[in-house]
Amino acid sequence: MRKIIAHEWMSLDGVVQAPSYADEDPAGGFAHGGWHMPYFDDLSQEWIVSSISAARAFLFGRQTYEIFAAHWPHAADAERPLAEPLNTRPKYVASTTLTEPLGWANSILLHGDVPGALRALKHGEGPDLHLIGSAQLARTLLTHDLIDEMRLMIDPLVLGAGKRFFPGSGTPRQLRLSDSQVTTTGAILATYTRTP
């Protein structure tokens, strides 16, 4: 059975909105875009490149897909370790507004009931699905108990506002810490797996 593995950069209070740059996602008046970038170091860079390079299939929500589709096909040579897997491997996209054909090579639009479509994909043959960013989709999948593993970079920063990774559903989830490291910037690289 395939797994869904979520990759997220988050603040200590669980915010995942607009980690990379100022105007990435100002929804709700969020004014802290780009908060994550000061916490990168060599260890976290290696951790990200290793995870993306090893992935054989990706999963995106519409907003992250559109940001990535605008950048990675035109990435600089220095970004090749990330661009190559992202550009060449299958990408499943959950959206109610996008239509086919999708412009980024090897992109497949998920139609209709997204949790149902992903449940069917999980039970089918193929590589694990790596969910990158896509906070709204991640919360939907958590609500439907479809995420098997979480690879989180947790920055030592409390933002106090913004879109959060974990849904406020009140449903307890027991997880197992399977790996962790601390970066030179104080960020924690943690991998959690779902307990049976």
C-alpha atoms as a PDB file:
ATOM      1  CA  MET A   1       0.000   0.000   0.000  1.00  0.00           C
ATOM      2  CA  ARG A   2       1.267   3.502  -0.832  1.00  0.00           C
ATOM      3  CA  LYS A   3       1.844   6.055   1.892  1.00  0.00           C
ATOM      4  CA  ILE A   4       1.134   9.775   1.929  1.00  0.00           C
ATOM      5  CA  ILE A   5       4.112  11.631   3.378  1.00  0.00           C
ATOM      6  CA  ALA A   6       3.626  15.302   4.268  1.00  0.00           C
ATOM      7  CA  HIS A   7       6.573  17.723   4.091  1.00  0.00           C
ATOM      8  CA  GLU A   8       5.981  20.979   5.936  1.00  0.00           C
ATOM      9  CA  TRP A   9       7.928  23.975   7.210  1.00  0.00           C
ATOM     10  CA  MET A  10       6.197  25.319  10.296  1.00  0.00           C
ATOM     11  CA  SER A  11       6.566  27.719  13.157  1.00  0.00           C
ATOM     12  CA  LEU A  12       6.532  26.441  16.716  1.00  0.00           C
ATOM     13  CA  ASP A  13       2.829  27.308  16.916  1.00  0.00           C
ATOM     14  CA  GLY A  14       2.046  25.285  13.770  1.00  0.00           C
ATOM     15  CA  VAL A  15       1.782  28.098  11.198  1.00  0.00           C
ATOM     16  CA  VAL A  16       2.641  27.012   7.639  1.00  0.00           C
ATOM     17  CA  GLN A  17       1.418  30.062   5.700  1.00  0.00           C
ATOM     18  CA  ALA A  18       3.811  31.876   3.341  1.00  0.00           C
ATOM     19  CA  PRO A  19       7.109  30.476   4.621  1.00  0.00           C
ATOM     20  CA  SER A  20       9.252  31.467   1.631  1.00  0.00           C
ATOM     21  CA  TYR A  21       8.624  35.077   0.654  1.00  0.00           C
ATOM     22  CA  ALA A  22       6.660  38.172   1.630  1.00  0.00           C
ATOM     23  CA  ASP A  23       3.789  38.067  -0.878  1.00  0.00           C
ATOM     24  CA  GLU A  24       3.523  34.273  -1.183  1.00  0.00           C
ATOM     25  CA  ASP A  25       0.138  34.085   0.553  1.00  0.00           C
ATOM     26  CA  PRO A  26      -1.209  37.263   2.195  1.00  0.00           C
ATOM     27  CA  ALA A  27      -4.688  35.735   2.729  1.00  0.00           C
ATOM     28  CA  GLY A  28      -6.387  36.873   5.901  1.00  0.00           C
ATOM     29  CA  GLY A  29      -4.037  39.845   6.149  1.00  0.00           C
ATOM     30  CA  PHE A  30      -1.038  37.622   6.958  1.00  0.00           C
ATOM     31  CA  ALA A  31       1.936  39.998   7.150  1.00  0.00           C
ATOM     32  CA  HIS A  32       4.794  37.650   8.079  1.00  0.00           C
ATOM     33  CA  GLY A  33       5.575  36.067   4.693  1.00  0.00           C
ATOM     34  CA  GLY A  34       9.139  34.777   4.357  1.00  0.00           C
ATOM     35  CA  TRP A  35       9.448  33.916   8.060  1.00  0.00           C
ATOM     36  CA  HIS A  36      11.083  30.530   7.386  1.00  0.00           C
ATOM     37  CA  MET A  37      14.085  31.527   5.275  1.00  0.00           C
ATOM     38  CA  PRO A  38      16.416  32.666   8.125  1.00  0.00           C
ATOM     39  CA  TYR A  39      16.266  29.148   9.625  1.00  0.00           C
ATOM     40  CA  PHE A  40      17.877  27.309   6.713  1.00  0.00           C
ATOM     41  CA  ASP A  41      21.369  25.893   7.183  1.00  0.00           C
ATOM     42  CA  ASP A  42      23.442  23.188   5.466  1.00  0.00           C
ATOM     43  CA  LEU A  43      21.800  20.383   7.462  1.00  0.00           C
ATOM     44  CA  SER A  44      18.238  21.466   6.641  1.00  0.00           C
ATOM     45  CA  GLN A  45      19.148  22.053   2.995  1.00  0.00           C
ATOM     46  CA  GLU A  46      20.597  18.531   2.751  1.00  0.00           C
ATOM     47  CA  TRP A  47      17.523  17.103   4.523  1.00  0.00           C
ATOM     48  CA  ILE A  48      15.157  18.749   2.024  1.00  0.00           C
ATOM     49  CA  VAL A  49      17.169  17.824  -1.073  1.00  0.00           C
ATOM     50  CA  SER A  50      17.476  14.221   0.125  1.00  0.00           C
ATOM     51  CA  SER A  51      13.723  13.906   0.740  1.00  0.00           C
ATOM     52  CA  ILE A  52      12.690  15.446  -2.581  1.00  0.00           C
ATOM     53  CA  SER A  53      15.310  13.526  -4.577  1.00  0.00           C
ATOM     54  CA  ALA A  54      14.155  10.217  -3.097  1.00  0.00           C
ATOM     55  CA  ALA A  55      10.459  10.912  -3.780  1.00  0.00           C
ATOM     56  CA  ARG A  56       8.983   9.152  -6.807  1.00  0.00           C
ATOM     57  CA  ALA A  57       5.578  10.913  -6.874  1.00  0.00           C
ATOM     58  CA  PHE A  58       4.251  14.203  -5.521  1.00  0.00           C
ATOM     59  CA  LEU A  59       0.937  15.549  -4.290  1.00  0.00           C
ATOM     60  CA  PHE A  60      -0.098  19.217  -4.341  1.00  0.00           C
ATOM     61  CA  GLY A  61      -3.027  21.467  -3.613  1.00  0.00           C
ATOM     62  CA  ARG A  62      -3.850  24.098  -6.221  1.00  0.00           C
ATOM     63  CA  GLN A  63      -2.013  27.054  -4.689  1.00  0.00           C
ATOM     64  CA  THR A  64       1.294  25.235  -4.092  1.00  0.00           C
ATOM     65  CA  TYR A  65       1.008  23.581  -7.493  1.00  0.00           C
ATOM     66  CA  GLU A  66       0.647  26.946  -9.242  1.00  0.00           C
ATOM     67  CA  ILE A  67       3.623  28.439  -7.351  1.00  0.00           C
ATOM     68  CA  PHE A  68       5.807  25.417  -8.146  1.00  0.00           C
ATOM     69  CA  ALA A  69       4.641  25.151 -11.778  1.00  0.00           C
ATOM     70  CA  ALA A  70       5.617  28.774 -12.344  1.00  0.00           C
ATOM     71  CA  HIS A  71       9.099  28.286 -10.889  1.00  0.00           C
ATOM     72  CA  TRP A  72      10.560  24.786 -11.238  1.00  0.00           C
ATOM     73  CA  PRO A  73      10.358  24.303 -15.025  1.00  0.00           C
ATOM     74  CA  HIS A  74      12.529  27.449 -15.327  1.00  0.00           C
ATOM     75  CA  ALA A  75      14.781  26.852 -12.301  1.00  0.00           C
ATOM     76  CA  ALA A  76      18.429  27.845 -12.351  1.00  0.00           C
ATOM     77  CA  ASP A  77      21.153  25.210 -12.735  1.00  0.00           C
ATOM     78  CA  ALA A  78      22.011  25.553  -9.049  1.00  0.00           C
ATOM     79  CA  GLU A  79      18.479  24.298  -8.225  1.00  0.00           C
ATOM     80  CA  ARG A  80      18.807  21.195 -10.398  1.00  0.00           C
ATOM     81  CA  PRO A  81      18.837  18.684  -7.468  1.00  0.00           C
ATOM     82  CA  LEU A  82      15.271  19.785  -6.654  1.00  0.00           C
ATOM     83  CA  ALA A  83      14.116  20.745 -10.135  1.00  0.00           C
ATOM     84  CA  GLU A  84      14.890  17.381 -11.750  1.00  0.00           C
ATOM     85  CA  PRO A  85      12.618  15.226  -9.559  1.00  0.00           C
ATOM     86  CA  LEU A  86       9.890  17.877  -9.385  1.00  0.00           C
ATOM     87  CA  ASN A  87       9.835  18.377 -13.152  1.00  0.00           C
ATOM     88  CA  THR A  88      10.068  14.746 -14.243  1.00  0.00           C
ATOM     89  CA  ARG A  89       8.079  12.675 -11.751  1.00  0.00           C
ATOM     90  CA  PRO A  90       4.289  12.266 -11.449  1.00  0.00           C
ATOM     91  CA  LYS A  91       2.435  15.062  -9.698  1.00  0.00           C
ATOM     92  CA  TYR A  92      -1.129  14.588  -8.459  1.00  0.00           C
ATOM     93  CA  VAL A  93      -3.041  17.856  -8.040  1.00  0.00           C
ATOM     94  CA  ALA A  94      -6.146  18.368  -5.910  1.00  0.00           C
ATOM     95  CA  SER A  95      -8.222  21.256  -7.240  1.00  0.00           C
ATOM     96  CA  THR A  96     -11.825  22.123  -7.963  1.00  0.00           C
ATOM     97  CA  THR A  97     -10.878  25.086 -10.178  1.00  0.00           C
ATOM     98  CA  LEU A  98      -8.062  23.830 -12.427  1.00  0.00           C
ATOM     99  CA  THR A  99      -8.901  22.066 -15.685  1.00  0.00           C
ATOM    100  CA  GLU A 100      -6.981  19.629 -17.827  1.00  0.00           C
ATOM    101  CA  PRO A 101      -4.592  19.584 -19.445  1.00  0.00           C
ATOM    102  CA  LEU A 102      -2.303  20.889 -16.721  1.00  0.00           C
ATOM    103  CA  GLY A 103       0.699  22.791 -18.016  1.00  0.00           C
ATOM    104  CA  TRP A 104       3.462  21.306 -15.846  1.00  0.00           C
ATOM    105  CA  ALA A 105       4.741  18.017 -17.295  1.00  0.00           C
ATOM    106  CA  ASN A 106       3.531  14.781 -15.674  1.00  0.00           C
ATOM    107  CA  SER A 107       0.726  16.488 -13.727  1.00  0.00           C
ATOM    108  CA  ILE A 108      -2.500  14.589 -13.060  1.00  0.00           C
ATOM    109  CA  LEU A 109      -5.643  16.350 -11.860  1.00  0.00           C
ATOM    110  CA  LEU A 110      -7.641  14.601  -9.129  1.00  0.00           C
ATOM    111  CA  HIS A 111     -11.358  14.908  -9.842  1.00  0.00           C
ATOM    112  CA  GLY A 112     -14.340  15.003  -7.501  1.00  0.00           C
ATOM    113  CA  ASP A 113     -13.985  13.601  -4.001  1.00  0.00           C
ATOM    114  CA  VAL A 114     -10.313  14.230  -3.158  1.00  0.00           C
ATOM    115  CA  PRO A 115     -10.192  12.113   0.040  1.00  0.00           C
ATOM    116  CA  GLY A 116     -11.851   9.267  -1.885  1.00  0.00           C
ATOM    117  CA  ALA A 117      -9.465   9.648  -4.827  1.00  0.00           C
ATOM    118  CA  LEU A 118      -6.458   9.613  -2.528  1.00  0.00           C
ATOM    119  CA  ARG A 119      -7.772   6.659  -0.569  1.00  0.00           C
ATOM    120  CA  ALA A 120      -8.013   4.772  -3.873  1.00  0.00           C
ATOM    121  CA  LEU A 121      -4.483   5.872  -4.877  1.00  0.00           C
ATOM    122  CA  LYS A 122      -3.126   4.709  -1.522  1.00  0.00           C
ATOM    123  CA  HIS A 123      -4.621   1.257  -2.064  1.00  0.00           C
ATOM    124  CA  GLY A 124      -3.259   1.019  -5.607  1.00  0.00           C
ATOM    125  CA  GLU A 125       0.156   0.185  -6.946  1.00  0.00           C
ATOM    126  CA  GLY A 126       2.883   2.783  -7.190  1.00  0.00           C
ATOM    127  CA  PRO A 127       5.311   4.881  -5.185  1.00  0.00           C
ATOM    128  CA  ASP A 128       4.513   6.797  -2.024  1.00  0.00           C
ATOM    129  CA  LEU A 129       2.937  10.235  -2.523  1.00  0.00           C
ATOM    130  CA  HIS A 130       4.911  13.181  -1.111  1.00  0.00           C
ATOM    131  CA  LEU A 131       2.696  16.122  -0.171  1.00  0.00           C
ATOM    132  CA  ILE A 132       4.650  19.388  -0.214  1.00  0.00           C
ATOM    133  CA  GLY A 133       3.205  22.473   1.452  1.00  0.00           C
ATOM    134  CA  SER A 134      -0.454  22.625   0.394  1.00  0.00           C
ATOM    135  CA  ALA A 135      -1.744  23.480   3.871  1.00  0.00           C
ATOM    136  CA  GLN A 136      -5.458  23.287   3.042  1.00  0.00           C
ATOM    137  CA  LEU A 137      -5.070  19.885   1.398  1.00  0.00           C
ATOM    138  CA  ALA A 138      -2.908  18.685   4.309  1.00  0.00           C
ATOM    139  CA  ARG A 139      -5.615  19.642   6.818  1.00  0.00           C
ATOM    140  CA  THR A 140      -8.231  17.815   4.730  1.00  0.00           C
ATOM    141  CA  LEU A 141      -6.068  14.700   4.620  1.00  0.00           C
ATOM    142  CA  LEU A 142      -5.400  14.876   8.359  1.00  0.00           C
ATOM    143  CA  THR A 143      -9.130  15.190   9.004  1.00  0.00           C
ATOM    144  CA  HIS A 144      -9.680  12.024   6.940  1.00  0.00           C
ATOM    145  CA  ASP A 145      -6.712  10.239   8.589  1.00  0.00           C
ATOM    146  CA  LEU A 146      -4.888   9.814   5.272  1.00  0.00           C
ATOM    147  CA  ILE A 147      -1.396  11.063   6.185  1.00  0.00           C
ATOM    148  CA  ASP A 148       0.961   8.266   7.186  1.00  0.00           C
ATOM    149  CA  GLU A 149       4.142  10.228   7.860  1.00  0.00           C
ATOM    150  CA  MET A 150       5.037  13.866   8.573  1.00  0.00           C
ATOM    151  CA  ARG A 151       8.467  15.336   7.855  1.00  0.00           C
ATOM    152  CA  LEU A 152       8.456  18.654   9.653  1.00  0.00           C
ATOM    153  CA  MET A 153      10.985  21.447   9.933  1.00  0.00           C
ATOM    154  CA  ILE A 154       9.844  23.275  13.062  1.00  0.00           C
ATOM    155  CA  ASP A 155      11.376  26.735  13.430  1.00  0.00           C
ATOM    156  CA  PRO A 156      11.968  28.333  16.870  1.00  0.00           C
ATOM    157  CA  LEU A 157       9.482  31.082  16.136  1.00  0.00           C
ATOM    158  CA  VAL A 158       5.937  31.814  17.320  1.00  0.00           C
ATOM    159  CA  LEU A 159       3.948  33.752  14.704  1.00  0.00           C
ATOM    160  CA  GLY A 160       0.641  34.008  16.552  1.00  0.00           C
ATOM    161  CA  ALA A 161      -1.423  34.148  13.350  1.00  0.00           C
ATOM    162  CA  GLY A 162      -1.734  32.429  10.010  1.00  0.00           C
ATOM    163  CA  LYS A 163      -2.862  29.170   8.467  1.00  0.00           C
ATOM    164  CA  ARG A 164      -1.940  26.201  10.600  1.00  0.00           C
ATOM    165  CA  PHE A 165      -0.996  22.687   9.594  1.00  0.00           C
ATOM    166  CA  PHE A 166      -3.136  20.801  12.085  1.00  0.00           C
ATOM    167  CA  PRO A 167      -6.917  21.085  11.801  1.00  0.00           C
ATOM    168  CA  GLY A 168      -8.824  22.312  14.829  1.00  0.00           C
ATOM    169  CA  SER A 169     -11.090  19.267  14.773  1.00  0.00           C
ATOM    170  CA  GLY A 170     -10.384  18.153  18.336  1.00  0.00           C
ATOM    171  CA  THR A 171      -9.514  14.635  17.136  1.00  0.00           C
ATOM    172  CA  PRO A 172      -6.537  13.206  19.075  1.00  0.00           C
ATOM    173  CA  ARG A 173      -3.747  11.677  16.980  1.00  0.00           C
ATOM    174  CA  GLN A 174      -1.021   9.544  18.455  1.00  0.00           C
ATOM    175  CA  LEU A 175       2.272   9.717  16.546  1.00  0.00           C
ATOM    176  CA  ARG A 176       5.684   8.099  16.848  1.00  0.00           C
ATOM    177  CA  LEU A 177       8.871  10.140  16.498  1.00  0.00           C
ATOM    178  CA  SER A 178      11.013   8.098  14.114  1.00  0.00           C
ATOM    179  CA  ASP A 179      13.821  10.585  13.508  1.00  0.00           C
ATOM    180  CA  SER A 180      14.935  14.009  14.717  1.00  0.00           C
ATOM    181  CA  GLN A 181      17.847  16.412  14.372  1.00  0.00           C
ATOM    182  CA  VAL A 182      18.486  19.980  15.498  1.00  0.00           C
ATOM    183  CA  THR A 183      19.934  22.494  13.047  1.00  0.00           C
ATOM    184  CA  THR A 184      22.480  25.222  13.795  1.00  0.00           C
ATOM    185  CA  THR A 185      19.607  27.755  13.705  1.00  0.00           C
ATOM    186  CA  GLY A 186      17.656  25.909  16.411  1.00  0.00           C
ATOM    187  CA  ALA A 187      15.075  24.442  14.029  1.00  0.00           C
ATOM    188  CA  ILE A 188      14.028  20.829  14.591  1.00  0.00           C
ATOM    189  CA  LEU A 189      13.901  18.357  11.705  1.00  0.00           C
ATOM    190  CA  ALA A 190      11.406  15.765  12.884  1.00  0.00           C
ATOM    191  CA  THR A 191       9.814  12.766  11.216  1.00  0.00           C
ATOM    192  CA  TYR A 192       6.619  11.441  12.781  1.00  0.00           C
ATOM    193  CA  THR A 193       4.763   8.321  11.735  1.00  0.00           C
ATOM    194  CA  ARG A 194       1.210   7.351  12.502  1.00  0.00           C
ATOM    195  CA  THR A 195       0.866   4.689  15.166  1.00  0.00           C
ATOM    196  CA  PRO A 196      -1.295   1.652  14.336  1.00  0.00           C
END
